[in-house]
N, C-alpha and C. Protein backbone atom coordinates (compact mmCIF):
# COMPACT_ATOMS: atom_id res chain seq x y z
N MET A 1 44.33 -13.84 222.25
CA MET A 1 44.89 -13.00 221.21
C MET A 1 45.25 -13.91 220.03
N ASN A 2 44.83 -13.50 218.87
CA ASN A 2 45.12 -14.24 217.65
C ASN A 2 46.47 -13.80 217.10
N LEU A 3 47.47 -14.66 217.23
CA LEU A 3 48.83 -14.31 216.80
C LEU A 3 49.10 -14.80 215.39
N PRO A 4 49.83 -14.01 214.61
CA PRO A 4 50.27 -14.52 213.31
C PRO A 4 51.16 -15.75 213.52
N GLU A 5 51.12 -16.68 212.57
CA GLU A 5 51.87 -17.93 212.71
C GLU A 5 53.37 -17.69 212.89
N HIS A 6 53.93 -16.71 212.17
CA HIS A 6 55.36 -16.46 212.33
C HIS A 6 55.70 -15.91 213.72
N TYR A 7 54.74 -15.27 214.38
CA TYR A 7 54.95 -14.84 215.76
C TYR A 7 55.03 -16.05 216.69
N ARG A 8 54.13 -17.02 216.47
CA ARG A 8 54.14 -18.21 217.32
C ARG A 8 55.50 -18.91 217.26
N GLY A 9 56.01 -19.08 216.05
CA GLY A 9 57.31 -19.74 215.88
C GLY A 9 58.43 -18.94 216.53
N ALA A 10 58.43 -17.63 216.34
CA ALA A 10 59.48 -16.79 216.90
C ALA A 10 59.40 -16.77 218.43
N LEU A 11 58.21 -16.64 218.98
CA LEU A 11 58.05 -16.63 220.43
C LEU A 11 58.45 -17.97 221.03
N ARG A 12 58.11 -19.06 220.35
CA ARG A 12 58.53 -20.38 220.82
C ARG A 12 60.05 -20.47 220.83
N ALA A 13 60.71 -19.96 219.79
CA ALA A 13 62.17 -19.98 219.71
C ALA A 13 62.79 -19.13 220.82
N VAL A 14 62.21 -17.96 221.07
CA VAL A 14 62.74 -17.08 222.12
C VAL A 14 62.59 -17.73 223.49
N ILE A 15 61.44 -18.30 223.77
CA ILE A 15 61.22 -18.91 225.08
C ILE A 15 62.14 -20.10 225.29
N ARG A 16 62.27 -20.94 224.27
CA ARG A 16 63.18 -22.09 224.40
C ARG A 16 64.62 -21.62 224.63
N TYR A 17 65.03 -20.63 223.88
CA TYR A 17 66.39 -20.08 224.02
C TYR A 17 66.61 -19.56 225.44
N THR A 18 65.63 -18.81 225.97
CA THR A 18 65.81 -18.24 227.30
C THR A 18 65.83 -19.31 228.38
N VAL A 19 65.07 -20.38 228.20
CA VAL A 19 65.09 -21.47 229.18
C VAL A 19 66.47 -22.14 229.17
N VAL A 20 66.98 -22.43 227.99
CA VAL A 20 68.31 -23.04 227.89
C VAL A 20 69.36 -22.12 228.48
N MET A 21 69.30 -20.84 228.15
CA MET A 21 70.31 -19.90 228.63
C MET A 21 70.19 -19.64 230.13
N ALA A 22 68.99 -19.76 230.68
CA ALA A 22 68.86 -19.64 232.13
C ALA A 22 69.60 -20.79 232.81
N PHE A 23 69.48 -22.00 232.27
CA PHE A 23 70.24 -23.12 232.82
C PHE A 23 71.74 -22.90 232.64
N VAL A 24 72.14 -22.39 231.48
CA VAL A 24 73.55 -22.08 231.24
C VAL A 24 74.04 -21.06 232.27
N GLY A 25 73.24 -20.04 232.52
CA GLY A 25 73.60 -19.03 233.51
C GLY A 25 73.77 -19.62 234.90
N LEU A 26 72.87 -20.52 235.27
CA LEU A 26 73.00 -21.17 236.58
C LEU A 26 74.28 -22.01 236.65
N LEU A 27 74.56 -22.75 235.59
CA LEU A 27 75.77 -23.57 235.57
C LEU A 27 77.03 -22.70 235.60
N ILE A 28 76.99 -21.58 234.91
CA ILE A 28 78.15 -20.67 234.93
C ILE A 28 78.34 -20.10 236.33
N GLY A 29 77.25 -19.79 237.00
CA GLY A 29 77.35 -19.29 238.37
C GLY A 29 77.97 -20.32 239.30
N ILE A 30 77.54 -21.57 239.19
CA ILE A 30 78.12 -22.63 240.01
C ILE A 30 79.58 -22.84 239.64
N SER A 31 79.87 -22.84 238.36
CA SER A 31 81.24 -23.02 237.88
C SER A 31 82.14 -21.90 238.41
N PHE A 32 81.64 -20.68 238.38
CA PHE A 32 82.42 -19.55 238.91
C PHE A 32 82.73 -19.76 240.38
N LEU A 33 81.71 -20.11 241.17
CA LEU A 33 81.92 -20.29 242.61
C LEU A 33 82.96 -21.37 242.89
N GLU A 34 82.85 -22.47 242.18
CA GLU A 34 83.80 -23.57 242.39
C GLU A 34 85.20 -23.20 241.91
N SER A 35 85.28 -22.49 240.80
CA SER A 35 86.59 -22.10 240.26
C SER A 35 87.26 -21.06 241.14
N ALA A 36 86.50 -20.13 241.67
CA ALA A 36 87.06 -19.09 242.53
C ALA A 36 87.62 -19.67 243.83
N LYS A 37 87.02 -20.76 244.29
CA LYS A 37 87.52 -21.41 245.51
C LYS A 37 88.93 -21.95 245.31
N LYS A 38 89.29 -22.23 244.07
CA LYS A 38 90.60 -22.83 243.80
C LYS A 38 91.70 -21.79 243.70
N LEU A 39 91.34 -20.53 243.95
CA LEU A 39 92.35 -19.46 244.03
C LEU A 39 92.31 -18.91 245.44
N PRO A 40 93.06 -19.51 246.34
CA PRO A 40 93.01 -19.04 247.74
C PRO A 40 93.68 -17.68 247.89
N PHE A 41 93.28 -16.97 248.92
CA PHE A 41 93.86 -15.65 249.18
C PHE A 41 95.35 -15.74 249.49
N ALA A 42 95.81 -16.89 249.94
CA ALA A 42 97.25 -17.07 250.19
C ALA A 42 98.03 -17.04 248.88
N ALA A 43 97.41 -17.47 247.78
CA ALA A 43 98.08 -17.49 246.48
C ALA A 43 97.95 -16.16 245.75
N ALA A 44 96.92 -15.39 246.09
CA ALA A 44 96.69 -14.11 245.42
C ALA A 44 96.13 -13.13 246.45
N PRO A 45 96.83 -12.02 246.70
CA PRO A 45 96.32 -11.04 247.66
C PRO A 45 94.98 -10.47 247.19
N ALA A 46 94.31 -9.81 248.10
CA ALA A 46 92.93 -9.36 247.87
C ALA A 46 92.71 -8.66 246.54
N GLY A 47 93.50 -7.66 246.20
CA GLY A 47 93.30 -6.95 244.94
C GLY A 47 93.49 -7.83 243.72
N VAL A 48 94.51 -8.63 243.74
CA VAL A 48 94.78 -9.56 242.63
C VAL A 48 93.66 -10.59 242.56
N HIS A 49 93.22 -11.05 243.71
CA HIS A 49 92.14 -12.04 243.76
C HIS A 49 90.88 -11.50 243.09
N VAL A 50 90.51 -10.28 243.44
CA VAL A 50 89.30 -9.67 242.85
C VAL A 50 89.46 -9.52 241.34
N GLU A 51 90.61 -9.02 240.90
CA GLU A 51 90.82 -8.85 239.46
C GLU A 51 90.83 -10.19 238.73
N ALA A 52 91.24 -11.24 239.40
CA ALA A 52 91.30 -12.55 238.77
C ALA A 52 89.93 -13.19 238.63
N VAL A 53 89.06 -12.98 239.62
CA VAL A 53 87.75 -13.64 239.58
C VAL A 53 86.64 -12.76 239.01
N LEU A 54 86.83 -11.46 238.97
CA LEU A 54 85.77 -10.56 238.52
C LEU A 54 85.31 -10.81 237.08
N PRO A 55 86.20 -10.98 236.11
CA PRO A 55 85.70 -11.22 234.75
C PRO A 55 84.80 -12.45 234.66
N LEU A 56 85.14 -13.49 235.38
CA LEU A 56 84.31 -14.69 235.38
C LEU A 56 83.01 -14.46 236.15
N ALA A 57 83.06 -13.69 237.21
CA ALA A 57 81.85 -13.39 238.00
C ALA A 57 80.84 -12.60 237.16
N LEU A 58 81.32 -11.73 236.33
CA LEU A 58 80.43 -10.89 235.52
C LEU A 58 79.68 -11.68 234.44
N VAL A 59 80.23 -12.81 234.05
CA VAL A 59 79.58 -13.61 233.00
C VAL A 59 78.20 -14.05 233.46
N HIS A 60 78.10 -14.48 234.69
CA HIS A 60 76.83 -14.97 235.23
C HIS A 60 75.71 -13.94 235.03
N GLY A 61 75.97 -12.70 235.42
CA GLY A 61 74.97 -11.64 235.26
C GLY A 61 74.69 -11.31 233.81
N HIS A 62 75.74 -11.28 233.00
CA HIS A 62 75.56 -10.98 231.58
C HIS A 62 74.73 -12.05 230.87
N VAL A 63 74.89 -13.30 231.28
CA VAL A 63 74.07 -14.36 230.68
C VAL A 63 72.60 -14.06 230.93
N PHE A 64 72.27 -13.71 232.16
CA PHE A 64 70.86 -13.48 232.46
C PHE A 64 70.33 -12.22 231.79
N VAL A 65 71.12 -11.18 231.71
CA VAL A 65 70.63 -9.94 231.08
C VAL A 65 70.54 -10.09 229.56
N MET A 66 71.64 -10.53 228.94
CA MET A 66 71.71 -10.57 227.47
C MET A 66 70.91 -11.71 226.85
N THR A 67 70.85 -12.86 227.52
CA THR A 67 70.26 -14.03 226.86
C THR A 67 68.96 -14.51 227.50
N VAL A 68 68.57 -13.91 228.60
CA VAL A 68 67.29 -14.27 229.21
C VAL A 68 66.36 -13.05 229.25
N LEU A 69 66.78 -12.01 229.96
CA LEU A 69 65.89 -10.85 230.14
C LEU A 69 65.64 -10.07 228.85
N MET A 70 66.69 -9.79 228.09
CA MET A 70 66.51 -9.02 226.85
C MET A 70 65.60 -9.74 225.84
N PRO A 71 65.83 -11.02 225.54
CA PRO A 71 64.92 -11.69 224.62
C PRO A 71 63.48 -11.75 225.13
N LEU A 72 63.31 -11.98 226.44
CA LEU A 72 61.95 -11.99 226.98
C LEU A 72 61.30 -10.61 226.89
N ALA A 73 62.09 -9.56 227.11
CA ALA A 73 61.56 -8.19 226.98
C ALA A 73 61.16 -7.91 225.53
N MET A 74 61.97 -8.37 224.60
CA MET A 74 61.64 -8.15 223.18
C MET A 74 60.40 -8.94 222.79
N ALA A 75 60.25 -10.16 223.31
CA ALA A 75 59.05 -10.95 223.04
C ALA A 75 57.82 -10.25 223.62
N GLY A 76 57.97 -9.73 224.83
CA GLY A 76 56.86 -8.99 225.44
C GLY A 76 56.51 -7.74 224.65
N ALA A 77 57.52 -7.05 224.13
CA ALA A 77 57.27 -5.86 223.31
C ALA A 77 56.52 -6.22 222.03
N LEU A 78 56.84 -7.36 221.45
CA LEU A 78 56.12 -7.81 220.25
C LEU A 78 54.64 -8.01 220.56
N LEU A 79 54.38 -8.67 221.67
CA LEU A 79 52.99 -8.93 222.03
C LEU A 79 52.25 -7.64 222.39
N MET A 80 52.91 -6.76 223.14
CA MET A 80 52.26 -5.49 223.51
C MET A 80 51.99 -4.64 222.29
N SER A 81 52.90 -4.66 221.32
CA SER A 81 52.68 -3.83 220.12
C SER A 81 51.43 -4.28 219.37
N LEU A 82 51.20 -5.58 219.31
CA LEU A 82 49.97 -6.07 218.68
C LEU A 82 48.74 -5.68 219.49
N ARG A 83 48.86 -5.77 220.82
CA ARG A 83 47.74 -5.44 221.71
C ARG A 83 47.29 -4.00 221.56
N ILE A 84 48.23 -3.09 221.30
CA ILE A 84 47.85 -1.68 221.21
C ILE A 84 47.56 -1.24 219.78
N GLY A 85 47.47 -2.23 218.87
CA GLY A 85 47.05 -1.91 217.52
C GLY A 85 48.16 -1.76 216.50
N GLY A 86 49.37 -2.11 216.85
CA GLY A 86 50.46 -2.07 215.88
C GLY A 86 50.31 -3.20 214.87
N SER A 87 50.96 -3.05 213.75
CA SER A 87 50.91 -4.12 212.75
C SER A 87 51.96 -5.18 213.08
N PRO A 88 51.75 -6.39 212.60
CA PRO A 88 52.74 -7.45 212.87
C PRO A 88 54.10 -7.13 212.23
N VAL A 89 55.14 -7.48 212.93
CA VAL A 89 56.50 -7.37 212.39
C VAL A 89 56.66 -8.52 211.40
N SER A 90 57.41 -8.29 210.36
CA SER A 90 57.57 -9.31 209.31
C SER A 90 58.34 -10.53 209.81
N ARG A 91 58.17 -11.63 209.10
CA ARG A 91 58.89 -12.87 209.40
C ARG A 91 60.40 -12.63 209.34
N ARG A 92 60.85 -11.88 208.35
CA ARG A 92 62.28 -11.59 208.20
C ARG A 92 62.80 -10.78 209.38
N SER A 93 62.02 -9.83 209.85
CA SER A 93 62.45 -9.03 211.01
C SER A 93 62.57 -9.88 212.26
N LEU A 94 61.69 -10.86 212.41
CA LEU A 94 61.77 -11.74 213.56
C LEU A 94 62.99 -12.66 213.48
N LEU A 95 63.44 -12.97 212.27
CA LEU A 95 64.66 -13.76 212.11
C LEU A 95 65.88 -13.00 212.62
N TRP A 96 65.85 -11.67 212.52
CA TRP A 96 66.95 -10.87 213.07
C TRP A 96 67.05 -11.09 214.58
N LEU A 97 65.92 -11.32 215.22
CA LEU A 97 65.91 -11.59 216.66
C LEU A 97 66.29 -13.04 216.94
N THR A 98 65.58 -13.98 216.33
CA THR A 98 65.76 -15.39 216.69
C THR A 98 67.03 -16.01 216.13
N ARG A 99 67.45 -15.62 214.96
CA ARG A 99 68.67 -16.19 214.38
C ARG A 99 69.88 -15.28 214.60
N GLY A 100 69.63 -13.98 214.61
CA GLY A 100 70.71 -13.02 214.71
C GLY A 100 71.07 -12.69 216.14
N TYR A 101 70.21 -11.93 216.81
CA TYR A 101 70.53 -11.46 218.16
C TYR A 101 70.87 -12.62 219.08
N GLN A 102 70.05 -13.65 219.08
CA GLN A 102 70.28 -14.77 220.01
C GLN A 102 71.63 -15.43 219.76
N SER A 103 72.02 -15.59 218.51
CA SER A 103 73.32 -16.21 218.19
C SER A 103 74.47 -15.33 218.63
N PHE A 104 74.39 -14.05 218.32
CA PHE A 104 75.48 -13.13 218.70
C PHE A 104 75.55 -12.92 220.21
N ALA A 105 74.41 -12.95 220.90
CA ALA A 105 74.42 -12.83 222.35
C ALA A 105 75.12 -14.05 222.96
N ALA A 106 74.81 -15.23 222.45
CA ALA A 106 75.46 -16.45 222.94
C ALA A 106 76.96 -16.40 222.66
N ALA A 107 77.34 -15.92 221.49
CA ALA A 107 78.77 -15.80 221.15
C ALA A 107 79.47 -14.81 222.07
N SER A 108 78.83 -13.70 222.36
CA SER A 108 79.42 -12.70 223.26
C SER A 108 79.61 -13.25 224.66
N VAL A 109 78.63 -13.98 225.14
CA VAL A 109 78.73 -14.60 226.46
C VAL A 109 79.85 -15.64 226.47
N MET A 110 79.95 -16.40 225.39
CA MET A 110 81.02 -17.41 225.31
C MET A 110 82.39 -16.75 225.34
N LEU A 111 82.54 -15.63 224.64
CA LEU A 111 83.81 -14.90 224.69
C LEU A 111 84.13 -14.44 226.10
N MET A 112 83.12 -13.94 226.80
CA MET A 112 83.32 -13.50 228.18
C MET A 112 83.74 -14.67 229.07
N LEU A 113 83.12 -15.82 228.85
CA LEU A 113 83.43 -16.99 229.65
C LEU A 113 84.87 -17.46 229.41
N VAL A 114 85.27 -17.51 228.14
CA VAL A 114 86.63 -17.92 227.81
C VAL A 114 87.63 -16.93 228.38
N LYS A 115 87.35 -15.65 228.26
CA LYS A 115 88.25 -14.62 228.81
C LYS A 115 88.33 -14.72 230.33
N GLY A 116 87.19 -14.93 230.98
CA GLY A 116 87.18 -15.06 232.43
C GLY A 116 88.04 -16.22 232.91
N TYR A 117 87.90 -17.35 232.25
CA TYR A 117 88.73 -18.49 232.64
C TYR A 117 90.19 -18.29 232.27
N HIS A 118 90.45 -17.61 231.17
CA HIS A 118 91.83 -17.30 230.80
C HIS A 118 92.51 -16.50 231.91
N VAL A 119 91.84 -15.48 232.40
CA VAL A 119 92.41 -14.63 233.46
C VAL A 119 92.58 -15.43 234.75
N LEU A 120 91.54 -16.13 235.15
CA LEU A 120 91.59 -16.88 236.41
C LEU A 120 92.69 -17.94 236.37
N LEU A 121 92.77 -18.68 235.30
CA LEU A 121 93.78 -19.74 235.22
C LEU A 121 95.19 -19.18 235.14
N ALA A 122 95.35 -18.03 234.50
CA ALA A 122 96.67 -17.40 234.44
C ALA A 122 97.13 -17.00 235.84
N VAL A 123 96.24 -16.40 236.62
CA VAL A 123 96.59 -15.99 237.98
C VAL A 123 96.84 -17.23 238.84
N ARG A 124 96.01 -18.25 238.70
CA ARG A 124 96.25 -19.49 239.44
C ARG A 124 97.60 -20.09 239.07
N GLY A 125 98.07 -19.85 237.85
CA GLY A 125 99.37 -20.33 237.41
C GLY A 125 100.53 -19.45 237.85
N GLY A 126 100.23 -18.35 238.54
CA GLY A 126 101.29 -17.50 239.09
C GLY A 126 101.48 -16.18 238.37
N GLN A 127 100.79 -15.94 237.28
CA GLN A 127 100.93 -14.68 236.53
C GLN A 127 100.07 -13.61 237.21
N THR A 128 100.66 -12.48 237.53
CA THR A 128 99.88 -11.39 238.14
C THR A 128 99.99 -10.10 237.34
N ASP A 129 100.66 -10.14 236.21
CA ASP A 129 100.74 -8.98 235.32
C ASP A 129 99.52 -9.04 234.39
N PHE A 130 98.50 -8.26 234.72
CA PHE A 130 97.24 -8.35 233.98
C PHE A 130 97.35 -7.85 232.54
N ALA A 131 98.30 -6.97 232.27
CA ALA A 131 98.53 -6.55 230.88
C ALA A 131 99.06 -7.74 230.08
N ALA A 132 99.97 -8.49 230.66
CA ALA A 132 100.50 -9.67 229.98
C ALA A 132 99.43 -10.75 229.82
N ILE A 133 98.58 -10.90 230.82
CA ILE A 133 97.48 -11.87 230.74
C ILE A 133 96.55 -11.47 229.59
N ASP A 134 96.23 -10.18 229.53
CA ASP A 134 95.35 -9.70 228.46
C ASP A 134 95.99 -9.89 227.09
N ASP A 135 97.26 -9.58 226.99
CA ASP A 135 97.96 -9.74 225.71
C ASP A 135 98.01 -11.20 225.27
N GLY A 136 97.99 -12.13 226.21
CA GLY A 136 98.07 -13.55 225.88
C GLY A 136 96.74 -14.19 225.55
N PHE A 137 95.67 -13.42 225.69
CA PHE A 137 94.34 -13.98 225.41
C PHE A 137 94.22 -14.41 223.95
N LEU A 138 93.60 -15.55 223.72
CA LEU A 138 93.45 -16.17 222.40
C LEU A 138 94.81 -16.38 221.73
N GLY A 139 95.74 -16.86 222.52
CA GLY A 139 97.06 -17.19 221.99
C GLY A 139 97.93 -16.00 221.68
N GLY A 140 97.54 -14.82 222.14
CA GLY A 140 98.35 -13.63 221.89
C GLY A 140 98.16 -13.05 220.50
N HIS A 141 97.19 -13.53 219.76
CA HIS A 141 96.93 -13.03 218.41
C HIS A 141 95.97 -11.85 218.48
N GLY A 142 96.53 -10.65 218.64
CA GLY A 142 95.72 -9.45 218.83
C GLY A 142 94.76 -9.18 217.70
N VAL A 143 95.20 -9.37 216.48
CA VAL A 143 94.34 -9.09 215.33
C VAL A 143 93.14 -10.02 215.32
N TRP A 144 93.39 -11.30 215.59
CA TRP A 144 92.27 -12.25 215.62
C TRP A 144 91.32 -11.93 216.77
N ARG A 145 91.90 -11.58 217.90
CA ARG A 145 91.06 -11.25 219.06
C ARG A 145 90.16 -10.07 218.73
N TYR A 146 90.73 -9.01 218.17
CA TYR A 146 89.92 -7.83 217.85
C TYR A 146 88.89 -8.15 216.77
N ALA A 147 89.25 -8.98 215.82
CA ALA A 147 88.31 -9.35 214.76
C ALA A 147 87.15 -10.15 215.33
N ILE A 148 87.45 -11.09 216.21
CA ILE A 148 86.39 -11.91 216.81
C ILE A 148 85.47 -11.06 217.67
N TYR A 149 86.06 -10.20 218.50
CA TYR A 149 85.25 -9.32 219.34
C TYR A 149 84.42 -8.35 218.49
N ALA A 150 85.02 -7.80 217.45
CA ALA A 150 84.30 -6.86 216.59
C ALA A 150 83.13 -7.56 215.91
N PHE A 151 83.36 -8.76 215.42
CA PHE A 151 82.30 -9.51 214.74
C PHE A 151 81.15 -9.81 215.71
N ALA A 152 81.48 -10.31 216.89
CA ALA A 152 80.44 -10.68 217.86
C ALA A 152 79.66 -9.46 218.34
N HIS A 153 80.38 -8.39 218.68
CA HIS A 153 79.70 -7.21 219.23
C HIS A 153 78.97 -6.42 218.16
N ALA A 154 79.57 -6.28 216.99
CA ALA A 154 78.88 -5.58 215.91
C ALA A 154 77.65 -6.36 215.49
N GLY A 155 77.78 -7.68 215.40
CA GLY A 155 76.62 -8.50 215.05
C GLY A 155 75.51 -8.37 216.07
N LEU A 156 75.88 -8.35 217.33
CA LEU A 156 74.89 -8.18 218.40
C LEU A 156 74.17 -6.85 218.25
N GLY A 157 74.93 -5.78 218.05
CA GLY A 157 74.32 -4.46 217.92
C GLY A 157 73.47 -4.30 216.66
N VAL A 158 73.96 -4.81 215.55
CA VAL A 158 73.23 -4.67 214.28
C VAL A 158 71.93 -5.46 214.33
N THR A 159 71.99 -6.71 214.77
CA THR A 159 70.76 -7.52 214.79
C THR A 159 69.73 -6.96 215.77
N LEU A 160 70.19 -6.49 216.91
CA LEU A 160 69.26 -5.87 217.86
C LEU A 160 68.68 -4.60 217.26
N GLY A 161 69.53 -3.79 216.63
CA GLY A 161 69.07 -2.54 216.02
C GLY A 161 68.04 -2.77 214.92
N VAL A 162 68.29 -3.73 214.05
CA VAL A 162 67.35 -4.02 212.95
C VAL A 162 66.01 -4.46 213.52
N PHE A 163 66.05 -5.35 214.52
CA PHE A 163 64.80 -5.80 215.12
C PHE A 163 64.05 -4.63 215.78
N LEU A 164 64.75 -3.79 216.52
CA LEU A 164 64.10 -2.67 217.21
C LEU A 164 63.52 -1.65 216.24
N VAL A 165 64.20 -1.40 215.13
CA VAL A 165 63.66 -0.49 214.10
C VAL A 165 62.39 -1.09 213.50
N ALA A 166 62.40 -2.39 213.22
CA ALA A 166 61.20 -3.05 212.69
C ALA A 166 60.04 -2.95 213.68
N LEU A 167 60.34 -3.14 214.96
CA LEU A 167 59.31 -3.03 215.98
C LEU A 167 58.76 -1.61 216.05
N TRP A 168 59.66 -0.63 216.01
CA TRP A 168 59.26 0.79 216.03
C TRP A 168 58.35 1.10 214.84
N ARG A 169 58.76 0.64 213.67
CA ARG A 169 57.98 0.92 212.46
C ARG A 169 56.61 0.25 212.50
N SER A 170 56.52 -0.91 213.14
CA SER A 170 55.23 -1.60 213.21
C SER A 170 54.23 -0.82 214.05
N LEU A 171 54.72 0.03 214.93
CA LEU A 171 53.82 0.82 215.76
C LEU A 171 53.20 2.00 215.04
N SER A 172 53.79 2.38 213.93
CA SER A 172 53.25 3.52 213.18
C SER A 172 52.27 3.08 212.10
N ARG A 173 52.12 1.78 211.91
CA ARG A 173 51.19 1.25 210.91
C ARG A 173 50.04 0.57 211.58
N ARG A 174 48.92 0.64 210.95
CA ARG A 174 47.73 -0.07 211.46
C ARG A 174 47.65 -1.42 210.77
N PRO A 175 47.26 -2.45 211.51
CA PRO A 175 47.11 -3.77 210.88
C PRO A 175 46.09 -3.70 209.76
N GLY A 176 46.39 -4.47 208.73
CA GLY A 176 45.64 -4.22 207.56
C GLY A 176 44.63 -5.05 207.05
């Protein structure tokens, strides 16, 4: 298949990103297992234990879905769209994927990781009031926390949406 040059660069960026993030996901999984071992059931009863380790446990899966599977699926959709006669997506639209989505996905995963460790370390320190633990996240600065989460999640949604609309539109045009 003869790919446009900007596709080659974007696909190379997506594949490199997914390889790096797959390693990050593996390391996060190992880190979770080792960190969870340091919260014995004697220090935290079963329900508290689950609530303390669950946010960190979920990061591992989110890394693989958001930063490995989704980008690979989008790369595959780009290639399939060309195969079935769609027109190439513009260089700018591909930047929404490679510079936008990938960056915001990594930021979202990082927020989940920081939050997971915040909860786990708070419980390991003896705090079992999860409302207080949540209120103390990012130094207890609620406005900053909401602003950071809004920026990361809105950016993730907008960049993914722009890329998907460009992909959709490319299917209605014939290569020229």
